[in-house]
Amino acid sequence: MPRATTGRVHRKRSKKILKDTKGYIGARSTIFRTAKDARRRALQNSYIDRRRKKRDFRALWIVRIGAAARLCGISYSRLISGMIAANIEINRKMLADLAVHDMNAFQKIVDKVKEKAA
């Protein structure tokens, strides 16, 4: 029996894939075979990037904390090791938020760390 390519199920699957690739450039949005490959790659990249996003944000927080720490006269590594020694448990996300939005609070944390180190 020959393979059916014009049935309802096939058409529904094709329409679903072409709907997903709407907005892609050129044949990637109109030709089924090309759209299928483009969609597969897009889903693959979105899966990978959901994990990469976590790494990227952590790196951003570290850069922000490092820049603010330099303004306060201490290096990032000394700040983090000093916080561990001083038993200050603030994660990097919150610390970066303090560095950006509330520099006075960040300065107080740096002062505590410097006090503990001295």
N, C-alpha and C. Protein backbone atom coordinates (compact mmCIF):
# COMPACT_ATOMS: atom_id res chain seq x y z
N MET A 1 0.85 -1.19 0.00
CA MET A 1 0.00 0.00 0.00
C MET A 1 0.89 1.25 0.00
N PRO A 2 0.64 2.18 -0.90
CA PRO A 2 1.49 3.38 -0.98
C PRO A 2 1.26 4.30 0.23
N ARG A 3 2.28 5.10 0.47
CA ARG A 3 2.22 6.03 1.59
C ARG A 3 1.34 7.22 1.24
N ALA A 4 0.42 7.55 2.13
CA ALA A 4 -0.49 8.67 1.88
C ALA A 4 0.17 9.97 2.31
N THR A 5 0.18 10.96 1.43
CA THR A 5 0.79 12.25 1.76
C THR A 5 -0.21 13.40 1.66
N THR A 6 -1.46 13.08 1.41
CA THR A 6 -2.45 14.16 1.26
C THR A 6 -3.58 14.05 2.27
N GLY A 7 -3.45 13.17 3.25
CA GLY A 7 -4.52 12.97 4.22
C GLY A 7 -4.60 14.08 5.26
N ARG A 8 -5.63 13.97 6.07
CA ARG A 8 -5.89 14.99 7.08
C ARG A 8 -4.77 15.09 8.10
N VAL A 9 -4.24 13.95 8.54
CA VAL A 9 -3.19 13.95 9.56
C VAL A 9 -1.92 14.60 9.02
N HIS A 10 -1.56 14.27 7.80
CA HIS A 10 -0.36 14.85 7.19
C HIS A 10 -0.52 16.36 7.02
N ARG A 11 -1.68 16.78 6.56
CA ARG A 11 -1.93 18.21 6.34
C ARG A 11 -1.91 18.97 7.68
N LYS A 12 -2.48 18.33 8.70
CA LYS A 12 -2.51 18.96 10.02
C LYS A 12 -1.09 19.15 10.58
N ARG A 13 -0.26 18.12 10.41
CA ARG A 13 1.12 18.19 10.88
C ARG A 13 1.89 19.27 10.12
N SER A 14 1.69 19.32 8.81
CA SER A 14 2.38 20.31 7.99
C SER A 14 1.98 21.73 8.40
N LYS A 15 0.67 21.93 8.58
CA LYS A 15 0.18 23.25 8.96
C LYS A 15 0.74 23.68 10.32
N LYS A 16 0.84 22.70 11.23
CA LYS A 16 1.36 23.01 12.56
C LYS A 16 2.82 23.47 12.48
N ILE A 17 3.61 22.79 11.69
CA ILE A 17 5.02 23.14 11.55
C ILE A 17 5.16 24.48 10.84
N LEU A 18 4.39 24.71 9.78
CA LEU A 18 4.47 25.98 9.06
C LEU A 18 3.98 27.14 9.93
N LYS A 19 3.02 26.86 10.80
CA LYS A 19 2.56 27.90 11.73
C LYS A 19 3.67 28.27 12.72
N ASP A 20 4.41 27.25 13.19
CA ASP A 20 5.52 27.50 14.12
C ASP A 20 6.63 28.32 13.48
N THR A 21 6.83 28.13 12.16
CA THR A 21 7.94 28.82 11.48
C THR A 21 7.51 30.12 10.82
N LYS A 22 6.31 30.57 11.11
CA LYS A 22 5.85 31.83 10.55
C LYS A 22 6.76 32.96 11.03
N GLY A 23 7.21 33.79 10.11
CA GLY A 23 8.10 34.88 10.47
C GLY A 23 9.55 34.58 10.17
N TYR A 24 9.86 33.31 9.88
CA TYR A 24 11.23 32.97 9.49
C TYR A 24 11.48 33.52 8.09
N ILE A 25 12.74 33.75 7.74
CA ILE A 25 13.09 34.38 6.47
C ILE A 25 13.13 33.36 5.34
N GLY A 26 12.58 33.74 4.20
CA GLY A 26 12.67 32.94 2.97
C GLY A 26 11.92 31.63 3.04
N ALA A 27 12.54 30.60 2.47
CA ALA A 27 11.90 29.29 2.36
C ALA A 27 11.70 28.64 3.71
N ARG A 28 12.42 29.11 4.71
CA ARG A 28 12.30 28.52 6.04
C ARG A 28 10.90 28.65 6.62
N SER A 29 10.11 29.56 6.06
CA SER A 29 8.75 29.75 6.57
C SER A 29 7.68 29.23 5.62
N THR A 30 8.07 28.83 4.40
CA THR A 30 7.06 28.45 3.42
C THR A 30 7.18 27.01 2.94
N ILE A 31 8.38 26.48 2.81
CA ILE A 31 8.57 25.12 2.29
C ILE A 31 8.66 24.17 3.47
N PHE A 32 7.83 23.12 3.41
CA PHE A 32 7.68 22.24 4.56
C PHE A 32 8.99 21.61 5.00
N ARG A 33 9.74 21.06 4.06
CA ARG A 33 10.98 20.36 4.41
C ARG A 33 11.99 21.30 5.08
N THR A 34 12.14 22.47 4.52
CA THR A 34 13.07 23.46 5.07
C THR A 34 12.56 23.98 6.41
N ALA A 35 11.26 24.20 6.49
CA ALA A 35 10.65 24.69 7.73
C ALA A 35 10.82 23.68 8.85
N LYS A 36 10.70 22.41 8.50
CA LYS A 36 10.84 21.35 9.50
C LYS A 36 12.24 21.37 10.11
N ASP A 37 13.26 21.53 9.26
CA ASP A 37 14.64 21.61 9.75
C ASP A 37 14.86 22.87 10.59
N ALA A 38 14.32 23.99 10.10
CA ALA A 38 14.50 25.27 10.81
C ALA A 38 13.84 25.20 12.19
N ARG A 39 12.67 24.59 12.26
CA ARG A 39 11.95 24.46 13.53
C ARG A 39 12.71 23.56 14.50
N ARG A 40 13.26 22.46 13.97
CA ARG A 40 14.02 21.55 14.82
C ARG A 40 15.23 22.27 15.42
N ARG A 41 15.93 23.03 14.60
CA ARG A 41 17.10 23.75 15.10
C ARG A 41 16.69 24.83 16.11
N ALA A 42 15.58 25.49 15.83
CA ALA A 42 15.11 26.54 16.73
C ALA A 42 14.76 25.96 18.10
N LEU A 43 14.10 24.82 18.11
CA LEU A 43 13.74 24.18 19.37
C LEU A 43 14.98 23.70 20.11
N GLN A 44 15.95 23.21 19.34
CA GLN A 44 17.21 22.76 19.94
C GLN A 44 17.94 23.93 20.59
N ASN A 45 18.00 25.04 19.88
CA ASN A 45 18.69 26.22 20.41
C ASN A 45 17.97 26.79 21.62
N SER A 46 16.65 26.78 21.60
CA SER A 46 15.92 27.32 22.75
C SER A 46 16.14 26.46 23.98
N TYR A 47 16.25 25.15 23.79
CA TYR A 47 16.53 24.23 24.91
C TYR A 47 17.92 24.53 25.48
N ILE A 48 18.89 24.66 24.61
CA ILE A 48 20.27 24.94 25.04
C ILE A 48 20.35 26.29 25.74
N ASP A 49 19.68 27.30 25.16
CA ASP A 49 19.79 28.66 25.67
C ASP A 49 19.07 28.86 27.00
N ARG A 50 18.08 28.01 27.29
CA ARG A 50 17.46 28.10 28.61
C ARG A 50 18.47 27.75 29.69
N ARG A 51 19.38 26.87 29.39
CA ARG A 51 20.43 26.54 30.35
C ARG A 51 21.54 27.57 30.33
N ARG A 52 21.87 28.08 29.13
CA ARG A 52 22.93 29.07 28.99
C ARG A 52 22.55 30.38 29.70
N LYS A 53 21.25 30.69 29.71
CA LYS A 53 20.78 31.93 30.33
C LYS A 53 21.19 32.01 31.80
N LYS A 54 21.14 30.89 32.48
CA LYS A 54 21.51 30.85 33.90
C LYS A 54 22.99 31.20 34.08
N ARG A 55 23.84 30.66 33.19
CA ARG A 55 25.27 30.97 33.24
C ARG A 55 25.52 32.44 32.93
N ASP A 56 24.81 32.95 31.92
CA ASP A 56 25.02 34.33 31.50
C ASP A 56 24.63 35.31 32.60
N PHE A 57 23.51 35.03 33.28
CA PHE A 57 23.09 35.93 34.35
C PHE A 57 24.06 35.90 35.52
N ARG A 58 24.56 34.71 35.86
CA ARG A 58 25.53 34.63 36.96
C ARG A 58 26.78 35.44 36.62
N ALA A 59 27.24 35.33 35.36
CA ALA A 59 28.41 36.11 34.93
C ALA A 59 28.13 37.61 35.01
N LEU A 60 26.92 38.02 34.62
CA LEU A 60 26.54 39.43 34.69
C LEU A 60 26.55 39.92 36.14
N TRP A 61 25.99 39.11 37.04
CA TRP A 61 25.97 39.50 38.45
C TRP A 61 27.39 39.66 38.99
N ILE A 62 28.27 38.75 38.61
CA ILE A 62 29.65 38.81 39.09
C ILE A 62 30.34 40.07 38.58
N VAL A 63 30.09 40.43 37.31
CA VAL A 63 30.68 41.65 36.75
C VAL A 63 30.17 42.88 37.50
N ARG A 64 28.88 42.92 37.77
CA ARG A 64 28.30 44.06 38.48
C ARG A 64 28.84 44.18 39.90
N ILE A 65 28.93 43.05 40.59
CA ILE A 65 29.46 43.07 41.96
C ILE A 65 30.91 43.50 41.94
N GLY A 66 31.68 42.99 40.98
CA GLY A 66 33.09 43.35 40.88
C GLY A 66 33.29 44.83 40.64
N ALA A 67 32.46 45.41 39.76
CA ALA A 67 32.57 46.85 39.47
C ALA A 67 32.23 47.69 40.70
N ALA A 68 31.16 47.30 41.40
CA ALA A 68 30.77 48.04 42.59
C ALA A 68 31.80 47.87 43.71
N ALA A 69 32.35 46.68 43.80
CA ALA A 69 33.36 46.43 44.83
C ALA A 69 34.60 47.29 44.59
N ARG A 70 34.98 47.42 43.33
CA ARG A 70 36.14 48.28 42.99
C ARG A 70 35.89 49.73 43.40
N LEU A 71 34.65 50.19 43.21
CA LEU A 71 34.31 51.55 43.63
C LEU A 71 34.44 51.71 45.15
N CYS A 72 34.22 50.62 45.86
CA CYS A 72 34.31 50.66 47.33
C CYS A 72 35.71 50.31 47.83
N GLY A 73 36.64 50.07 46.92
CA GLY A 73 38.02 49.84 47.30
C GLY A 73 38.37 48.42 47.72
N ILE A 74 37.71 47.45 47.13
CA ILE A 74 38.00 46.05 47.44
C ILE A 74 37.80 45.24 46.17
N SER A 75 38.52 44.13 46.04
CA SER A 75 38.35 43.30 44.84
C SER A 75 37.18 42.34 45.04
N TYR A 76 36.71 41.78 43.94
CA TYR A 76 35.58 40.85 44.01
C TYR A 76 35.93 39.63 44.86
N SER A 77 37.10 39.06 44.60
CA SER A 77 37.47 37.83 45.31
C SER A 77 37.63 38.07 46.81
N ARG A 78 38.20 39.22 47.18
CA ARG A 78 38.33 39.54 48.60
C ARG A 78 36.97 39.78 49.24
N LEU A 79 36.07 40.40 48.48
CA LEU A 79 34.71 40.64 48.99
C LEU A 79 33.99 39.32 49.28
N ILE A 80 34.03 38.40 48.32
CA ILE A 80 33.32 37.13 48.48
C ILE A 80 33.93 36.29 49.60
N SER A 81 35.27 36.21 49.65
CA SER A 81 35.90 35.44 50.72
C SER A 81 35.66 36.10 52.08
N GLY A 82 35.63 37.44 52.09
CA GLY A 82 35.35 38.17 53.33
C GLY A 82 33.92 37.96 53.79
N MET A 83 32.99 37.88 52.84
CA MET A 83 31.60 37.62 53.21
C MET A 83 31.44 36.23 53.82
N ILE A 84 32.16 35.27 53.28
CA ILE A 84 32.10 33.92 53.84
C ILE A 84 32.67 33.92 55.26
N ALA A 85 33.79 34.63 55.44
CA ALA A 85 34.42 34.71 56.76
C ALA A 85 33.53 35.46 57.76
N ALA A 86 32.83 36.50 57.29
CA ALA A 86 31.98 37.30 58.16
C ALA A 86 30.59 36.68 58.35
N ASN A 87 30.37 35.54 57.73
CA ASN A 87 29.09 34.82 57.82
C ASN A 87 27.92 35.62 57.24
N ILE A 88 28.19 36.37 56.18
CA ILE A 88 27.13 37.11 55.48
C ILE A 88 26.66 36.24 54.33
N GLU A 89 25.41 35.83 54.38
CA GLU A 89 24.89 34.91 53.37
C GLU A 89 23.92 35.64 52.45
N ILE A 90 24.46 36.31 51.45
CA ILE A 90 23.65 36.95 50.42
C ILE A 90 24.11 36.38 49.09
N ASN A 91 23.16 35.91 48.29
CA ASN A 91 23.58 35.34 47.01
C ASN A 91 23.98 36.43 46.03
N ARG A 92 24.61 36.03 44.95
CA ARG A 92 25.17 36.98 44.00
C ARG A 92 24.09 37.80 43.30
N LYS A 93 22.93 37.21 43.11
CA LYS A 93 21.83 37.94 42.46
C LYS A 93 21.40 39.12 43.33
N MET A 94 21.20 38.88 44.61
CA MET A 94 20.77 39.95 45.52
C MET A 94 21.88 40.98 45.71
N LEU A 95 23.11 40.49 45.78
CA LEU A 95 24.25 41.39 45.96
C LEU A 95 24.39 42.33 44.76
N ALA A 96 24.22 41.78 43.56
CA ALA A 96 24.29 42.60 42.35
C ALA A 96 23.15 43.61 42.31
N ASP A 97 21.98 43.21 42.77
CA ASP A 97 20.84 44.12 42.80
C ASP A 97 21.11 45.27 43.79
N LEU A 98 21.70 44.94 44.93
CA LEU A 98 22.07 45.99 45.89
C LEU A 98 23.11 46.93 45.28
N ALA A 99 24.08 46.35 44.58
CA ALA A 99 25.15 47.16 43.98
C ALA A 99 24.59 48.15 42.96
N VAL A 100 23.56 47.74 42.23
CA VAL A 100 22.98 48.61 41.19
C VAL A 100 22.00 49.61 41.78
N HIS A 101 21.12 49.16 42.70
CA HIS A 101 20.02 50.00 43.15
C HIS A 101 20.22 50.68 44.51
N ASP A 102 21.03 50.08 45.38
CA ASP A 102 21.19 50.63 46.73
C ASP A 102 22.66 50.57 47.13
N MET A 103 23.43 51.52 46.64
CA MET A 103 24.87 51.52 46.86
C MET A 103 25.23 51.68 48.34
N ASN A 104 24.39 52.37 49.11
CA ASN A 104 24.66 52.55 50.54
C ASN A 104 24.65 51.22 51.28
N ALA A 105 23.66 50.38 50.97
CA ALA A 105 23.59 49.06 51.61
C ALA A 105 24.78 48.21 51.19
N PHE A 106 25.15 48.29 49.93
CA PHE A 106 26.32 47.55 49.44
C PHE A 106 27.58 48.02 50.16
N GLN A 107 27.69 49.32 50.36
CA GLN A 107 28.86 49.89 51.05
C GLN A 107 28.93 49.38 52.49
N LYS A 108 27.77 49.24 53.14
CA LYS A 108 27.74 48.72 54.51
C LYS A 108 28.24 47.28 54.57
N ILE A 109 27.86 46.49 53.56
CA ILE A 109 28.33 45.10 53.50
C ILE A 109 29.85 45.08 53.31
N VAL A 110 30.35 45.94 52.43
CA VAL A 110 31.80 46.02 52.19
C VAL A 110 32.51 46.45 53.47
N ASP A 111 31.93 47.40 54.20
CA ASP A 111 32.54 47.85 55.46
C ASP A 111 32.62 46.71 56.48
N LYS A 112 31.56 45.90 56.56
CA LYS A 112 31.56 44.74 57.47
C LYS A 112 32.67 43.77 57.09
N VAL A 113 32.82 43.56 55.77
CA VAL A 113 33.85 42.63 55.30
C VAL A 113 35.23 43.16 55.62
N LYS A 114 35.44 44.46 55.39
CA LYS A 114 36.74 45.07 55.69
C LYS A 114 37.03 45.02 57.18
N GLU A 115 35.99 45.25 57.99
CA GLU A 115 36.12 45.21 59.45
C GLU A 115 36.52 43.81 59.91
N LYS A 116 35.93 42.81 59.31
CA LYS A 116 36.22 41.41 59.66
C LYS A 116 37.65 41.04 59.24
N ALA A 117 38.08 41.58 58.10
CA ALA A 117 39.42 41.27 57.59
C ALA A 117 40.50 41.94 58.42
N ALA A 118 40.20 43.10 58.96
CA ALA A 118 41.22 43.85 59.72
C ALA A 118 41.43 43.33 61.12
